[in-house]
PDB file of N, CA and C in Angstrom:
ATOM      1  N   UNK A   1     -21.079  21.911 -36.436  1.00  0.00           N
ATOM      2  CA  UNK A   1     -20.774  20.540 -36.805  1.00  0.00           C
ATOM      3  C   UNK A   1     -22.073  19.724 -36.770  1.00  0.00           C
ATOM      4  N   UNK A   2     -22.338  18.989 -37.794  1.00  0.00           N
ATOM      5  CA  UNK A   2     -23.546  18.188 -37.888  1.00  0.00           C
ATOM      6  C   UNK A   2     -23.262  16.762 -37.446  1.00  0.00           C
ATOM      7  N   UNK A   3     -24.145  16.218 -36.614  1.00  0.00           N
ATOM      8  CA  UNK A   3     -24.032  14.826 -36.176  1.00  0.00           C
ATOM      9  C   UNK A   3     -24.688  13.926 -37.214  1.00  0.00           C
ATOM     10  N   UNK A   4     -24.116  12.753 -37.417  1.00  0.00           N
ATOM     11  CA  UNK A   4     -24.651  11.803 -38.388  1.00  0.00           C
ATOM     12  C   UNK A   4     -25.443  10.717 -37.680  1.00  0.00           C
ATOM     13  N   UNK A   5     -26.464  10.219 -38.343  1.00  0.00           N
ATOM     14  CA  UNK A   5     -27.200   9.069 -37.851  1.00  0.00           C
ATOM     15  C   UNK A   5     -26.600   7.837 -38.516  1.00  0.00           C
ATOM     16  N   UNK A   6     -26.114   6.921 -37.708  1.00  0.00           N
ATOM     17  CA  UNK A   6     -25.468   5.731 -38.250  1.00  0.00           C
ATOM     18  C   UNK A   6     -26.407   4.533 -38.304  1.00  0.00           C
ATOM     19  N   UNK A   7     -27.682   4.747 -37.989  1.00  0.00           N
ATOM     20  CA  UNK A   7     -28.641   3.657 -38.074  1.00  0.00           C
ATOM     21  C   UNK A   7     -28.485   2.614 -36.990  1.00  0.00           C
ATOM     22  N   UNK A   8     -27.832   2.973 -35.886  1.00  0.00           N
ATOM     23  CA  UNK A   8     -27.654   2.039 -34.782  1.00  0.00           C
ATOM     24  C   UNK A   8     -27.702   2.814 -33.471  1.00  0.00           C
ATOM     25  N   UNK A   9     -28.083   2.130 -32.423  1.00  0.00           N
ATOM     26  CA  UNK A   9     -28.106   2.761 -31.113  1.00  0.00           C
ATOM     27  C   UNK A   9     -26.696   2.721 -30.537  1.00  0.00           C
ATOM     28  N   UNK A  10     -26.230   3.866 -30.050  1.00  0.00           N
ATOM     29  CA  UNK A  10     -24.885   3.958 -29.476  1.00  0.00           C
ATOM     30  C   UNK A  10     -24.985   4.291 -27.998  1.00  0.00           C
ATOM     31  N   UNK A  11     -24.024   3.802 -27.242  1.00  0.00           N
ATOM     32  CA  UNK A  11     -24.011   3.968 -25.792  1.00  0.00           C
ATOM     33  C   UNK A  11     -22.667   4.528 -25.354  1.00  0.00           C
ATOM     34  N   UNK A  12     -22.670   5.234 -24.224  1.00  0.00           N
ATOM     35  CA  UNK A  12     -21.428   5.700 -23.608  1.00  0.00           C
ATOM     36  C   UNK A  12     -21.357   5.079 -22.225  1.00  0.00           C
ATOM     37  N   UNK A  13     -20.239   4.431 -21.933  1.00  0.00           N
ATOM     38  CA  UNK A  13     -19.996   3.828 -20.630  1.00  0.00           C
ATOM     39  C   UNK A  13     -18.744   4.451 -20.054  1.00  0.00           C
ATOM     40  N   UNK A  14     -18.778   4.748 -18.759  1.00  0.00           N
ATOM     41  CA  UNK A  14     -17.628   5.347 -18.089  1.00  0.00           C
ATOM     42  C   UNK A  14     -17.010   4.334 -17.144  1.00  0.00           C
ATOM     43  N   UNK A  15     -15.698   4.397 -17.017  1.00  0.00           N
ATOM     44  CA  UNK A  15     -15.004   3.498 -16.104  1.00  0.00           C
ATOM     45  C   UNK A  15     -13.613   4.017 -15.809  1.00  0.00           C
ATOM     46  N   UNK A  16     -12.909   3.292 -14.946  1.00  0.00           N
ATOM     47  CA  UNK A  16     -11.541   3.658 -14.599  1.00  0.00           C
ATOM     48  C   UNK A  16     -10.560   2.805 -15.386  1.00  0.00           C
ATOM     49  N   UNK A  17      -9.536   3.432 -15.917  1.00  0.00           N
ATOM     50  CA  UNK A  17      -8.457   2.754 -16.626  1.00  0.00           C
ATOM     51  C   UNK A  17      -7.160   3.375 -16.149  1.00  0.00           C
ATOM     52  N   UNK A  18      -6.359   2.598 -15.464  1.00  0.00           N
ATOM     53  CA  UNK A  18      -5.089   3.076 -14.909  1.00  0.00           C
ATOM     54  C   UNK A  18      -5.294   4.351 -14.089  1.00  0.00           C
ATOM     55  N   UNK A  19      -6.367   4.373 -13.290  1.00  0.00           N
ATOM     56  CA  UNK A  19      -6.626   5.489 -12.397  1.00  0.00           C
ATOM     57  C   UNK A  19      -7.282   6.704 -13.028  1.00  0.00           C
ATOM     58  N   UNK A  20      -7.616   6.635 -14.292  1.00  0.00           N
ATOM     59  CA  UNK A  20      -8.269   7.754 -14.986  1.00  0.00           C
ATOM     60  C   UNK A  20      -9.666   7.346 -15.421  1.00  0.00           C
ATOM     61  N   UNK A  21     -10.583   8.320 -15.384  1.00  0.00           N
ATOM     62  CA  UNK A  21     -11.941   8.050 -15.867  1.00  0.00           C
ATOM     63  C   UNK A  21     -11.918   8.151 -17.390  1.00  0.00           C
ATOM     64  N   UNK A  22     -12.453   7.122 -18.039  1.00  0.00           N
ATOM     65  CA  UNK A  22     -12.515   7.108 -19.499  1.00  0.00           C
ATOM     66  C   UNK A  22     -13.966   6.966 -19.946  1.00  0.00           C
ATOM     67  N   UNK A  23     -14.234   7.439 -21.153  1.00  0.00           N
ATOM     68  CA  UNK A  23     -15.546   7.310 -21.785  1.00  0.00           C
ATOM     69  C   UNK A  23     -15.395   6.359 -22.966  1.00  0.00           C
ATOM     70  N   UNK A  24     -16.193   5.313 -22.984  1.00  0.00           N
ATOM     71  CA  UNK A  24     -16.157   4.319 -24.054  1.00  0.00           C
ATOM     72  C   UNK A  24     -17.463   4.419 -24.837  1.00  0.00           C
ATOM     73  N   UNK A  25     -17.373   4.730 -26.122  1.00  0.00           N
ATOM     74  CA  UNK A  25     -18.540   4.765 -26.998  1.00  0.00           C
ATOM     75  C   UNK A  25     -18.637   3.404 -27.677  1.00  0.00           C
ATOM     76  N   UNK A  26     -19.816   2.769 -27.570  1.00  0.00           N
ATOM     77  CA  UNK A  26     -19.948   1.417 -28.123  1.00  0.00           C
ATOM     78  C   UNK A  26     -21.353   1.177 -28.644  1.00  0.00           C
ATOM     79  N   UNK A  27     -21.496   0.103 -29.413  1.00  0.00           N
ATOM     80  CA  UNK A  27     -22.786  -0.314 -29.945  1.00  0.00           C
ATOM     81  C   UNK A  27     -22.849  -1.834 -29.883  1.00  0.00           C
ATOM     82  N   UNK A  28     -24.044  -2.375 -29.976  1.00  0.00           N
ATOM     83  CA  UNK A  28     -24.227  -3.829 -29.992  1.00  0.00           C
ATOM     84  C   UNK A  28     -24.625  -4.258 -31.393  1.00  0.00           C
ATOM     85  N   UNK A  29     -23.914  -5.251 -31.908  1.00  0.00           N
ATOM     86  CA  UNK A  29     -24.202  -5.806 -33.238  1.00  0.00           C
ATOM     87  C   UNK A  29     -24.053  -7.317 -33.188  1.00  0.00           C
ATOM     88  N   UNK A  30     -25.052  -8.010 -33.677  1.00  0.00           N
ATOM     89  CA  UNK A  30     -24.981  -9.474 -33.783  1.00  0.00           C
ATOM     90  C   UNK A  30     -24.495 -10.119 -32.489  1.00  0.00           C
ATOM     91  N   UNK A  31     -25.099  -9.754 -31.366  1.00  0.00           N
ATOM     92  CA  UNK A  31     -24.757 -10.314 -30.049  1.00  0.00           C
ATOM     93  C   UNK A  31     -23.335 -10.009 -29.606  1.00  0.00           C
ATOM     94  N   UNK A  32     -22.700  -9.012 -30.204  1.00  0.00           N
ATOM     95  CA  UNK A  32     -21.362  -8.578 -29.808  1.00  0.00           C
ATOM     96  C   UNK A  32     -21.399  -7.100 -29.458  1.00  0.00           C
ATOM     97  N   UNK A  33     -20.542  -6.693 -28.548  1.00  0.00           N
ATOM     98  CA  UNK A  33     -20.384  -5.273 -28.244  1.00  0.00           C
ATOM     99  C   UNK A  33     -19.188  -4.768 -29.024  1.00  0.00           C
ATOM    100  N   UNK A  34     -19.399  -3.746 -29.843  1.00  0.00           N
ATOM    101  CA  UNK A  34     -18.343  -3.182 -30.682  1.00  0.00           C
ATOM    102  C   UNK A  34     -17.943  -1.828 -30.119  1.00  0.00           C
ATOM    103  N   UNK A  35     -16.661  -1.682 -29.755  1.00  0.00           N
ATOM    104  CA  UNK A  35     -16.157  -0.409 -29.258  1.00  0.00           C
ATOM    105  C   UNK A  35     -15.898   0.503 -30.444  1.00  0.00           C
ATOM    106  N   UNK A  36     -16.474   1.694 -30.394  1.00  0.00           N
ATOM    107  CA  UNK A  36     -16.306   2.674 -31.460  1.00  0.00           C
ATOM    108  C   UNK A  36     -15.145   3.600 -31.139  1.00  0.00           C
ATOM    109  N   UNK A  37     -15.087   4.072 -29.882  1.00  0.00           N
ATOM    110  CA  UNK A  37     -13.973   4.930 -29.484  1.00  0.00           C
ATOM    111  C   UNK A  37     -13.830   4.921 -27.972  1.00  0.00           C
ATOM    112  N   UNK A  38     -12.665   5.350 -27.523  1.00  0.00           N
ATOM    113  CA  UNK A  38     -12.376   5.502 -26.097  1.00  0.00           C
ATOM    114  C   UNK A  38     -11.574   6.785 -25.940  1.00  0.00           C
ATOM    115  N   UNK A  39     -11.901   7.533 -24.879  1.00  0.00           N
ATOM    116  CA  UNK A  39     -11.202   8.796 -24.645  1.00  0.00           C
ATOM    117  C   UNK A  39     -11.218   9.113 -23.162  1.00  0.00           C
ATOM    118  N   UNK A  40     -10.355  10.035 -22.765  1.00  0.00           N
ATOM    119  CA  UNK A  40     -10.367  10.524 -21.392  1.00  0.00           C
ATOM    120  C   UNK A  40     -11.681  11.277 -21.174  1.00  0.00           C
ATOM    121  N   UNK A  41     -12.327  11.045 -20.042  1.00  0.00           N
ATOM    122  CA  UNK A  41     -13.581  11.728 -19.736  1.00  0.00           C
ATOM    123  C   UNK A  41     -13.329  13.210 -19.485  1.00  0.00           C
ATOM    124  N   UNK A  42     -14.316  14.025 -19.834  1.00  0.00           N
ATOM    125  CA  UNK A  42     -14.223  15.457 -19.547  1.00  0.00           C
ATOM    126  C   UNK A  42     -14.327  15.670 -18.036  1.00  0.00           C
ATOM    127  N   UNK A  43     -13.992  16.856 -17.581  1.00  0.00           N
ATOM    128  CA  UNK A  43     -14.101  17.155 -16.145  1.00  0.00           C
ATOM    129  C   UNK A  43     -15.539  16.977 -15.658  1.00  0.00           C
ATOM    130  N   UNK A  44     -16.500  17.397 -16.461  1.00  0.00           N
ATOM    131  CA  UNK A  44     -17.908  17.214 -16.105  1.00  0.00           C
ATOM    132  C   UNK A  44     -18.237  15.720 -15.972  1.00  0.00           C
ATOM    133  N   UNK A  45     -17.815  14.909 -16.943  1.00  0.00           N
ATOM    134  CA  UNK A  45     -18.077  13.468 -16.910  1.00  0.00           C
ATOM    135  C   UNK A  45     -17.393  12.820 -15.710  1.00  0.00           C
ATOM    136  N   UNK A  46     -16.182  13.273 -15.384  1.00  0.00           N
ATOM    137  CA  UNK A  46     -15.474  12.737 -14.218  1.00  0.00           C
ATOM    138  C   UNK A  46     -16.250  13.041 -12.935  1.00  0.00           C
ATOM    139  N   UNK A  47     -16.755  14.255 -12.825  1.00  0.00           N
ATOM    140  CA  UNK A  47     -17.517  14.635 -11.626  1.00  0.00           C
ATOM    141  C   UNK A  47     -18.759  13.766 -11.483  1.00  0.00           C
ATOM    142  N   UNK A  48     -19.488  13.571 -12.575  1.00  0.00           N
ATOM    143  CA  UNK A  48     -20.684  12.723 -12.548  1.00  0.00           C
ATOM    144  C   UNK A  48     -20.308  11.293 -12.163  1.00  0.00           C
ATOM    145  N   UNK A  49     -19.236  10.779 -12.742  1.00  0.00           N
ATOM    146  CA  UNK A  49     -18.790   9.413 -12.444  1.00  0.00           C
ATOM    147  C   UNK A  49     -18.533   9.253 -10.952  1.00  0.00           C
ATOM    148  N   UNK A  50     -17.750  10.157 -10.368  1.00  0.00           N
ATOM    149  CA  UNK A  50     -17.394  10.024  -8.959  1.00  0.00           C
ATOM    150  C   UNK A  50     -18.583  10.276  -8.038  1.00  0.00           C
ATOM    151  N   UNK A  51     -19.533  11.107  -8.446  1.00  0.00           N
ATOM    152  CA  UNK A  51     -20.747  11.294  -7.648  1.00  0.00           C
ATOM    153  C   UNK A  51     -21.552   9.998  -7.583  1.00  0.00           C
ATOM    154  N   UNK A  52     -21.559   9.232  -8.666  1.00  0.00           N
ATOM    155  CA  UNK A  52     -22.306   7.976  -8.712  1.00  0.00           C
ATOM    156  C   UNK A  52     -21.668   6.888  -7.850  1.00  0.00           C
ATOM    157  N   UNK A  53     -20.339   6.926  -7.695  1.00  0.00           N
ATOM    158  CA  UNK A  53     -19.634   5.842  -7.014  1.00  0.00           C
ATOM    159  C   UNK A  53     -18.999   6.244  -5.692  1.00  0.00           C
ATOM    160  N   UNK A  54     -19.366   7.416  -5.170  1.00  0.00           N
ATOM    161  CA  UNK A  54     -18.812   7.823  -3.875  1.00  0.00           C
ATOM    162  C   UNK A  54     -19.644   7.228  -2.745  1.00  0.00           C
ATOM    163  N   UNK A  55     -19.057   7.155  -1.571  1.00  0.00           N
ATOM    164  CA  UNK A  55     -19.745   6.573  -0.396  1.00  0.00           C
ATOM    165  C   UNK A  55     -20.816   7.470   0.120  1.00  0.00           C
TER     166      UNK A  55
END
């Protein structure tokens, strides 16, 4: 599968939504943040998320 260049910088942010870790793909345009997609985080992403926010 080939990845496309959309001519913009894209970011992934992780957070909790109803107790689940989600991955939000977004970009900034004209001083606004535009959400491109949201999905359940993979097990690897969940592990990284909880390692960052554990005591």
